[in-house]
């Protein structure tokens, strides 16, 4: 007979707090397919109190000038604009507050010598990121972080090249490949995290220290955010580089400068290519988790585009450039080392995929120079288009597509051999993927904090995990198991609603567009505030509360009003379950291994987290929790 304890708990929690989520009294997207048809392009219908209102009121028959400009805030000052109304340290929250106060669906805000149009209505967000994506493109300000991200998938501005890069990287994210990473997430949590927690508990915590000393019988508090950052970086290192980075092993033993984060080697260049073939980079001496943290801290001032201020005056610029040079040295060195010893067909990491694609694309290889240099396309012979090589590499067809696109946009296109994937492109894609690991760690640490503050929710999530495991250790969790953990998944989704991995997405109008019934002239900057959309008071009941129960009832899930992992412009509103694997499986293993408690012990109040809003939203002073090992986990260890 199937155990019923977890399901009964979940049913009871659906109406916890006196609020029923089965029929929410809020706006939600109405699926036109219920009526047997699809909505017209540019239109999404929202149902509220029995009325239907179009969220995107663009009418192609009306001239562009007939639409009004977005409303502005009263009391703007010369030069400063609305700067005094904003807290740039909490920019996402400030934009949200301004949208709430204005009461308009579109708002123009002026500061630092520029104007931005803010949008947050679900239908407008869907239009900007999906239906009008051709006219609203990635903002050129992404070039400001070229030293870090280069022209990887996340920062590529050219539409044709971006499409080719997506095609190239697609095999690394196919479901069978992602399922193969499940064990890495679960094993690293089950085996590496408990030892790291013990080291952290035995060490003296850095300032700011935990809120209060641990009471008798309660383990000392540890910074869960830092531990999970290192855990995520280790998994990313294995999946992306095929390396054991050992970031988690450094937890509780100091970090930063002690592990090479402050000592930067020279950047490989065309004249001085660094270590020769076969001599790998010294990854053991570098704390890559700290390097990425320095890069993220230095990127935010660059992305703000403060007028009349040289880059060298910006806070964190020197360490940012030093960290970017160090990342270059490590990644370029690894590319050369892996190529010299050869890539096996069974190597599953992303670097192996890209090197096989490079070999498939041309008879020769092309080494790139220093960061920031335009990639140079090799002139080797092209592989047979659309065919797999002797290794059966799944990238063969994708590389042919990339070569065709690159040849079409390259200077002098139309003659000569097709180009291949350059070392510069490989470096940029690896840097992009490694940097994404931090955002996953922030979401997981916020989820752990919420569960520590809600004993009923933590018990329900753990009961669900234990029921699915049925005596197995979490290292044996599978992707299919995750689909049997609806309440745990709801906890992750609700955390991502409040703390989205990408709080805002900036676009520039490549042509005149109409968004939310207002003119967005060509050249305008449009900011899609996912942070505000996820807290929209007309869409979400009790928007500032963490209520995973709202996701349990299928009909309570809004359509375009939530943008989570695995959702891009082509799949806005659709959920891709494989994208949740690193979140759900890590949280499941964490709940299996530990009781998550406030620093003051069981039943003690848990202080809210002060946040730092940079490229992502993170806890400013860390997420300090007491992790008490569970008897079942201790017995397995």
Foldseek 3Di string as FASTA:
>chain_A
DADCVLVVLLVVQLCPPNRHQQDDQFWFWDQCCVVPDHDDQQWTWIDHPRDTDTQGPDDPVDDLVVFAAAAEDPPADPQAGCVVQADVQPRLVSVLVVCVVVVAQWYWGDGLHAIAIEHQALSLVLCCFARVDVQWFADPLLVLLLLQQNCALVSPGDPLLNVLNCLLCVVLQPVVNLQVLLLLLLCCLLPVLVVLVVLQLPADDDPPAAPDAADPPFGFWGFLLQLQLQSLLQSLCCQAQVDRLCLSVCRNVDAQVQQPLVPFDAAAFPVRNDDAEQDADDSRSHNVSVLLVLLQVLVQVSSVCNPPDDSVPDPSSVSNSRSSRRLNNRLLRSLRHDVNVDAALPRSHNSSLQVVQQVQAFVDAAEHGGRPDDFDFDQGAGHDAPDADPSRRPSNNSQNSSQVSCLVPPPPRDDGHTTGDHSNRSSSNSSVSSSLSSLLSQLLLQLLLVCQQPVSLLVSQLVQLCSLCVLPALSPDGLVSLVSRQLLVLSSQLSCLQFPSAQKGKIARCAWDAGSSHTDHHGHIYIHGSNSLSQPCSHDPVSVDRRSSSVPNVVSDHFSSGAHFPAGSNRRRDDDSSRCSSNSSNSSNLSQFWDWHASHGPPDHHDDFDWRPTSGIHGPRGRITGTHTDPSSVVVD
